[in-house]
Structure formats: structure tokens, C-alpha cells
């Protein structure tokens, strides 16, 4: 998927004026197409150009970035989270019931692995890869980055909406499944992969 550029961003004042409108649209989009819960404590939010555009605009609003070179630095960081050919990327969020007990609540999650998180489509299970797998990453807190490799044969299965699809997380302390993925959610992920293929061909050409 082609990276975001400074030209894709709105000027700070223009975005700030319409922020509520953009925020409401972003929330509706994420809830319908990009967010899925796995039990009471885990949420996956899949990233693409649209979700990252909002993230970057919020960073610019909060930090009051005006310099194009500083904006490009932020974009270079966030563009790494875009889907790529045969690859979906998502934030894995851990819900904390009591922030005053953060260390205690996060303790069971410090040894999680990507193999515990899986995408199931029909009889096929695809484990995730935990990008934030270093001890210092896990010490950061409640958010991790995960990747799912979806090669062409797996994509055909995902595109067969007659096959049930869902996510699961299974460890000694947490065993839950997500709801069955809606057709809209699945199509959104398939669109990401298709766009990434086309953009990869453009860059190769």
C-alpha cells in the first residue's frame, strides 16, 4: 500500500476546525471495518491508509507540528504500519480494568507470543507474528503490533464468505474467540491486500 505523504495531510487549522466530523467518521469506519474484540480484554484494530491518516493528523494536532520535514518524520514511522503484499498489520490492545493496578494486570501478558493469536478461516489457522516481542517492547504497556501473513492461497479462503472466519487467543490464562467476522470486515481486509498488490506492482514497474 502506497505510503502517506505530506501532501495527503490537511493543514493543522483546517483539520482542527473539522476534527469532530473526522473523529466521528473515523470511529464509525473503525467499528464497522477494522476493529474486532477477542473476549473481554483484547481488541484488534487493523491498520491501513485511512486509519493511519487519522492517527497522524491527531499527532500533528496535539504536537502542533507545522514543519514539513517533521511531518515527514512522523509519516516515515507510521507508514511502517501499513499493510504490505500478503501482509496485514494490526494493533493488539489489552484492556486494563484498574489503571492503578497496571503492573499487576499486565503481568500475565508479558510472555505472550504471536502463536497464541490466530486467524481461523474454515479449517485453516494462521498464527500472528508479534512485532513488539522484545522485553522492552512488552514493558511499554497495553499495546502491541502484530502481523498476519496471508499468501494467495489463504486469501482465496478468506474471500470465500461461506467459510466462517474469526480470531482466537489461547494461553494458560486467557482463552477466547472473537465473533464471526462480518462480510464487511473481511472485504475491508481483502481490499487492503489487493491494494497492496497493485501498489507493489507500480513500485516494481
Protein backbone atom coordinates (compact mmCIF):
# COMPACT_ATOMS: atom_id res chain seq x y z
CA UNK A 1 0.00 0.00 0.00
CA UNK A 2 1.49 3.32 -1.08
CA UNK A 3 2.78 5.34 1.88
CA UNK A 4 1.16 8.51 3.10
CA UNK A 5 2.91 11.73 2.11
CA UNK A 6 2.81 15.27 3.47
CA UNK A 7 0.55 16.19 0.54
CA UNK A 8 -2.08 13.75 1.88
CA UNK A 9 -2.39 15.68 5.15
CA UNK A 10 -4.64 18.61 5.91
CA UNK A 11 -3.21 21.86 7.27
CA UNK A 12 -3.39 21.97 11.05
CA UNK A 13 -6.06 24.68 11.30
CA UNK A 14 -8.27 23.11 8.65
CA UNK A 15 -8.18 19.73 10.40
CA UNK A 16 -8.76 21.24 13.85
CA UNK A 17 -11.84 23.08 12.59
CA UNK A 18 -13.44 19.85 11.33
CA UNK A 19 -11.96 17.45 13.90
CA UNK A 20 -15.27 16.30 15.38
CA UNK A 21 -16.58 15.44 11.93
CA UNK A 22 -13.41 13.47 11.11
CA UNK A 23 -13.39 11.80 14.53
CA UNK A 24 -17.00 10.60 14.21
CA UNK A 25 -16.38 9.29 10.69
CA UNK A 26 -13.20 7.54 11.81
CA UNK A 27 -14.94 5.87 14.76
CA UNK A 28 -17.77 4.59 12.56
CA UNK A 29 -15.30 3.27 9.99
CA UNK A 30 -13.13 1.51 12.55
CA UNK A 31 -16.09 -0.04 14.36
CA UNK A 32 -17.55 -1.44 11.16
CA UNK A 33 -14.48 -2.44 9.18
CA UNK A 34 -11.31 -2.53 11.31
CA UNK A 35 -11.97 -3.37 14.99
CA UNK A 36 -12.71 -6.80 16.45
CA UNK A 37 -12.79 -7.90 20.11
CA UNK A 38 -11.41 -11.21 21.34
CA UNK A 39 -13.05 -11.81 24.69
CA UNK A 40 -13.31 -9.11 27.37
CA UNK A 41 -9.71 -7.85 27.36
CA UNK A 42 -8.26 -7.99 23.82
CA UNK A 43 -9.04 -5.88 20.78
CA UNK A 44 -7.51 -5.99 17.30
CA UNK A 45 -7.53 -2.84 15.16
CA UNK A 46 -6.27 -3.36 11.62
CA UNK A 47 -4.35 -0.50 10.05
CA UNK A 48 -4.50 0.95 6.54
CA UNK A 49 -4.03 4.35 4.93
CA UNK A 50 -7.35 5.63 6.27
CA UNK A 51 -6.74 4.68 9.90
CA UNK A 52 -3.15 5.93 9.83
CA UNK A 53 -4.17 9.21 8.21
CA UNK A 54 -6.32 9.95 11.25
CA UNK A 55 -3.55 8.88 13.65
CA UNK A 56 -1.03 11.19 12.01
CA UNK A 57 -3.47 14.11 11.87
CA UNK A 58 -4.05 13.69 15.60
CA UNK A 59 -0.32 13.66 16.29
CA UNK A 60 0.08 16.85 14.29
CA UNK A 61 -2.83 18.47 16.15
CA UNK A 62 -1.52 17.54 19.59
CA UNK A 63 2.12 18.41 18.93
CA UNK A 64 1.29 21.44 16.76
CA UNK A 65 3.64 20.28 14.02
CA UNK A 66 3.98 22.79 11.21
CA UNK A 67 7.32 21.93 9.64
CA UNK A 68 7.10 19.65 6.60
CA UNK A 69 10.31 17.79 7.49
CA UNK A 70 8.99 16.99 10.98
CA UNK A 71 5.71 15.80 9.48
CA UNK A 72 7.66 13.54 7.15
CA UNK A 73 9.49 12.03 10.12
CA UNK A 74 6.14 11.11 11.68
CA UNK A 75 4.91 9.70 8.38
CA UNK A 76 8.04 7.58 7.99
CA UNK A 77 7.31 6.00 11.36
CA UNK A 78 3.60 5.38 10.82
CA UNK A 79 3.94 4.20 7.21
CA UNK A 80 5.75 1.15 8.53
CA UNK A 81 2.37 0.02 9.91
CA UNK A 82 0.64 -0.09 6.52
CA UNK A 83 -0.44 -3.41 5.02
CA UNK A 84 2.05 -4.86 2.55
CA UNK A 85 1.89 -7.58 -0.07
CA UNK A 86 0.43 -10.67 1.61
CA UNK A 87 0.66 -8.92 4.98
CA UNK A 88 -1.95 -7.40 7.32
CA UNK A 89 -0.91 -5.31 10.31
CA UNK A 90 -2.89 -4.58 13.45
CA UNK A 91 -2.66 -3.11 16.90
CA UNK A 92 -3.38 -5.60 19.68
CA UNK A 93 -4.81 -3.69 22.63
CA UNK A 94 -5.04 -5.04 26.18
CA UNK A 95 -7.85 -3.61 28.27
CA UNK A 96 -6.96 -2.65 31.83
CA UNK A 97 -9.80 -2.57 34.36
CA UNK A 98 -7.92 -0.65 37.05
CA UNK A 99 -5.13 1.70 35.87
CA UNK A 100 -3.83 1.99 39.42
CA UNK A 101 -3.00 -1.74 39.22
CA UNK A 102 -1.33 -1.53 35.80
CA UNK A 103 1.72 -3.60 36.66
CA UNK A 104 -0.33 -6.34 38.28
CA UNK A 105 -2.85 -6.52 35.43
CA UNK A 106 -0.16 -6.59 32.75
CA UNK A 107 1.97 -9.22 34.47
CA UNK A 108 0.25 -12.24 32.83
CA UNK A 109 0.66 -10.67 29.37
CA UNK A 110 4.43 -10.17 29.48
CA UNK A 111 5.21 -13.54 27.94
CA UNK A 112 2.62 -13.60 25.17
CA UNK A 113 3.62 -14.90 21.73
CA UNK A 114 2.24 -14.48 18.25
CA UNK A 115 1.40 -18.19 18.09
CA UNK A 116 -1.27 -17.65 20.75
CA UNK A 117 -3.17 -15.29 18.44
CA UNK A 118 -4.65 -16.86 15.30
CA UNK A 119 -6.87 -16.08 12.35
CA UNK A 120 -9.20 -19.01 11.58
CA UNK A 121 -10.90 -19.38 8.21
CA UNK A 122 -12.71 -22.66 7.73
CA UNK A 123 -10.24 -25.39 8.69
CA UNK A 124 -7.18 -23.15 8.17
CA UNK A 125 -5.49 -21.39 11.11
CA UNK A 126 -2.90 -18.65 10.59
CA UNK A 127 -0.81 -17.59 13.62
CA UNK A 128 0.22 -13.98 14.08
CA UNK A 129 3.73 -12.63 14.31
CA UNK A 130 4.27 -10.42 17.35
CA UNK A 131 6.37 -7.49 16.14
CA UNK A 132 6.77 -5.97 19.61
CA UNK A 133 8.40 -9.09 21.02
CA UNK A 134 11.42 -7.60 22.81
CA UNK A 135 11.32 -7.30 26.63
CA UNK A 136 11.50 -3.51 26.35
CA UNK A 137 8.51 -3.56 23.97
CA UNK A 138 6.44 -5.65 26.33
CA UNK A 139 7.30 -3.35 29.21
CA UNK A 140 5.72 -0.43 27.37
CA UNK A 141 2.22 -1.43 28.33
CA UNK A 142 -1.13 -2.17 26.80
CA UNK A 143 -0.49 -2.04 23.02
CA UNK A 144 1.41 -4.40 20.72
CA UNK A 145 1.82 -4.65 16.95
CA UNK A 146 1.03 -7.92 15.21
CA UNK A 147 1.21 -9.13 11.63
CA UNK A 148 -0.72 -11.80 9.76
CA UNK A 149 0.77 -13.32 6.63
CA UNK A 150 -1.98 -14.02 4.09
CA UNK A 151 -0.50 -15.60 0.95
CA UNK A 152 -2.66 -16.00 -2.19
CA UNK A 153 -3.96 -19.46 -1.27
CA UNK A 154 -5.03 -18.24 2.18
CA UNK A 155 -6.59 -15.16 0.64
CA UNK A 156 -8.82 -17.33 -1.54
CA UNK A 157 -10.13 -18.99 1.60
CA UNK A 158 -10.68 -15.62 3.28
CA UNK A 159 -12.58 -14.44 0.20
CA UNK A 160 -14.94 -17.42 0.43
CA UNK A 161 -17.57 -15.87 2.68
CA UNK A 162 -19.23 -19.25 3.03
CA UNK A 163 -16.34 -20.24 5.32
CA UNK A 164 -16.57 -18.97 8.90
CA UNK A 165 -13.75 -16.65 9.94
CA UNK A 166 -12.78 -15.48 13.43
CA UNK A 167 -9.78 -14.74 15.63
CA UNK A 168 -8.73 -16.57 18.77
CA UNK A 169 -6.26 -16.09 21.58
CA UNK A 170 -5.34 -19.11 23.63
CA UNK A 171 -2.96 -19.22 26.57
CA UNK A 172 -2.95 -20.69 30.05
CA UNK A 173 -4.73 -17.65 31.47
CA UNK A 174 -6.85 -16.39 28.55
CA UNK A 175 -8.86 -18.44 26.05
CA UNK A 176 -11.35 -16.56 23.89
CA UNK A 177 -12.68 -16.27 20.37
CA UNK A 178 -13.87 -13.21 18.52
CA UNK A 179 -17.32 -13.03 16.97
CA UNK A 180 -17.50 -14.39 13.44
CA UNK A 181 -16.12 -11.74 11.09
CA UNK A 182 -18.75 -9.84 9.15
CA UNK A 183 -18.64 -9.74 5.36
CA UNK A 184 -17.83 -6.02 5.53
CA UNK A 185 -14.88 -6.63 7.84
CA UNK A 186 -13.50 -9.43 5.66
CA UNK A 187 -13.90 -7.42 2.48
CA UNK A 188 -12.05 -4.50 4.06
CA UNK A 189 -9.05 -6.74 4.80
CA UNK A 190 -9.18 -8.22 1.31
CA UNK A 191 -9.25 -4.72 -0.17
CA UNK A 192 -6.08 -3.88 1.78
CA UNK A 193 -4.29 -6.89 0.33
CA UNK A 194 -5.49 -6.15 -3.19
CA UNK A 195 -4.39 -2.51 -3.00
CA UNK A 196 -1.02 -3.57 -1.62
CA UNK A 197 -0.56 -5.92 -4.58
CA UNK A 198 -1.34 -3.15 -7.06
CA UNK A 199 0.92 -0.66 -5.34
CA UNK A 200 3.71 -3.22 -5.22
CA UNK A 201 3.39 -3.73 -8.96
CA UNK A 202 3.54 0.06 -9.52
CA UNK A 203 6.68 0.38 -7.44
CA UNK A 204 8.28 -2.59 -9.17
CA UNK A 205 7.45 -1.08 -12.55
